Protein backbone atom coordinates (compact mmCIF):
# COMPACT_ATOMS: atom_id res chain seq x y z
CA UNK A 1 -15.60 42.06 39.57
CA UNK A 2 -14.11 38.56 37.48
CA UNK A 3 -14.33 37.00 40.92
CA UNK A 4 -17.43 38.24 41.68
CA UNK A 5 -19.20 36.73 39.03
CA UNK A 6 -17.52 33.81 39.11
CA UNK A 7 -18.69 32.83 42.27
CA UNK A 8 -22.27 34.91 41.94
CA UNK A 9 -21.86 36.84 44.47
CA UNK A 10 -22.26 40.79 45.21
CA UNK A 11 -19.59 43.03 44.94
CA UNK A 12 -20.62 46.53 45.76
CA UNK A 13 -17.97 48.06 43.21
CA UNK A 14 -15.42 49.22 45.91
CA UNK A 15 -11.82 49.67 44.72
CA UNK A 16 -8.58 51.02 46.90
CA UNK A 17 -10.81 49.51 49.96
CA UNK A 18 -7.19 47.93 50.93
CA UNK A 19 -7.90 45.92 53.96
CA UNK A 20 -11.83 45.13 53.62
CA UNK A 21 -12.60 42.04 51.63
CA UNK A 22 -13.01 42.77 48.25
CA UNK A 23 -15.85 39.66 47.42
CA UNK A 24 -18.11 38.58 50.28
CA UNK A 25 -17.28 39.05 54.04
CA UNK A 26 -13.89 37.29 53.54
CA UNK A 27 -12.90 37.37 49.87
CA UNK A 28 -9.56 39.37 49.11
CA UNK A 29 -8.71 39.55 45.25
CA UNK A 30 -5.14 39.73 44.74
CA UNK A 31 -4.76 41.05 40.74
CA UNK A 32 -1.38 41.08 38.87
CA UNK A 33 -0.93 42.12 35.78
CA UNK A 34 1.38 39.01 34.41
CA UNK A 35 0.10 35.68 33.74
CA UNK A 36 3.99 34.57 35.36
CA UNK A 37 3.07 36.44 38.40
CA UNK A 38 2.36 34.37 41.73
CA UNK A 39 0.19 35.58 44.68
CA UNK A 40 1.09 37.84 47.11
CA UNK A 41 0.11 38.04 50.54
CA UNK A 42 1.68 40.31 53.56
CA UNK A 43 2.43 39.44 57.01
CA UNK A 44 -0.15 41.93 58.26
CA UNK A 45 -2.83 40.25 56.01
CA UNK A 46 -5.45 38.42 57.98
CA UNK A 47 -5.06 34.82 58.30
CA UNK A 48 -8.88 34.28 58.27
CA UNK A 49 -9.18 35.72 54.80
CA UNK A 50 -9.26 33.74 51.53
CA UNK A 51 -7.02 35.24 49.14
CA UNK A 52 -7.94 34.59 45.02
CA UNK A 53 -5.11 35.48 42.54
CA UNK A 54 -6.38 36.86 39.66
CA UNK A 55 -3.99 37.88 36.16
CA UNK A 56 -4.20 39.75 33.51
CA UNK A 57 -5.50 43.16 31.99
CA UNK A 58 -8.74 44.14 31.19
CA UNK A 59 -10.51 42.52 28.79
CA UNK A 60 -8.68 39.30 29.59
CA UNK A 61 -8.43 38.22 33.40
CA UNK A 62 -7.53 34.45 34.25
CA UNK A 63 -8.73 33.06 38.04
CA UNK A 64 -6.13 31.03 39.02
CA UNK A 65 -7.48 29.61 42.41
CA UNK A 66 -7.15 30.52 46.24
CA UNK A 67 -5.48 29.86 49.69
CA UNK A 68 -6.40 31.11 53.22
CA UNK A 69 -4.10 33.86 54.68
CA UNK A 70 -2.94 31.40 57.21
CA UNK A 71 -1.76 28.82 54.39
CA UNK A 72 0.16 31.23 52.34
CA UNK A 73 1.89 32.42 55.51
CA UNK A 74 4.45 29.55 54.86
CA UNK A 75 7.78 30.04 55.44
CA UNK A 76 8.95 28.62 52.17
CA UNK A 77 7.02 31.21 50.14
CA UNK A 78 8.40 34.23 52.14
CA UNK A 79 10.88 36.39 49.71
CA UNK A 80 11.73 39.97 49.23
CA UNK A 81 11.67 41.25 45.42
CA UNK A 82 13.32 45.01 44.89
CA UNK A 83 13.69 47.23 47.76
CA UNK A 84 10.00 46.13 49.03
CA UNK A 85 9.49 43.92 52.29
CA UNK A 86 9.37 40.71 52.38
CA UNK A 87 5.85 39.34 51.35
CA UNK A 88 4.64 35.71 51.22
CA UNK A 89 4.74 34.84 47.05
CA UNK A 90 2.19 31.52 46.84
CA UNK A 91 2.96 29.60 43.88
CA UNK A 92 0.03 28.90 41.82
CA UNK A 93 0.58 24.93 42.38
CA UNK A 94 -0.17 25.70 46.43
CA UNK A 95 -3.76 27.67 45.19
CA UNK A 96 -6.80 25.32 45.44
CA UNK A 97 -9.33 25.10 42.29
CA UNK A 98 -11.41 28.49 42.39
CA UNK A 99 -14.21 25.91 41.23
CA UNK A 100 -14.09 24.46 45.10
CA UNK A 101 -14.45 28.36 46.87
CA UNK A 102 -17.70 28.53 44.15
CA UNK A 103 -18.95 25.26 45.54
CA UNK A 104 -18.65 26.47 49.04
CA UNK A 105 -21.08 29.89 48.56
């Protein structure tokens, strides 16, 4: 909802839609509970979608920025944590300003 409001794009209220876009036709929102966490993009995520990192807990969230799936799938970002399969953990420094995405909508 936070990204939808920021971008002024309709949000249908859907949750747990997994591979479907969260906002608009191609925006995937990835929420992490800690502001220190990075954006997660998995190998089977869509290359053409946009992935937005949001951190925090209700009622306070921070929108960090965005990156395309293709750009996120950089071998330098590939990591494993715990017993989970490898995924791309994109550092915040690699994200584009969310205001750039807002100007495209």
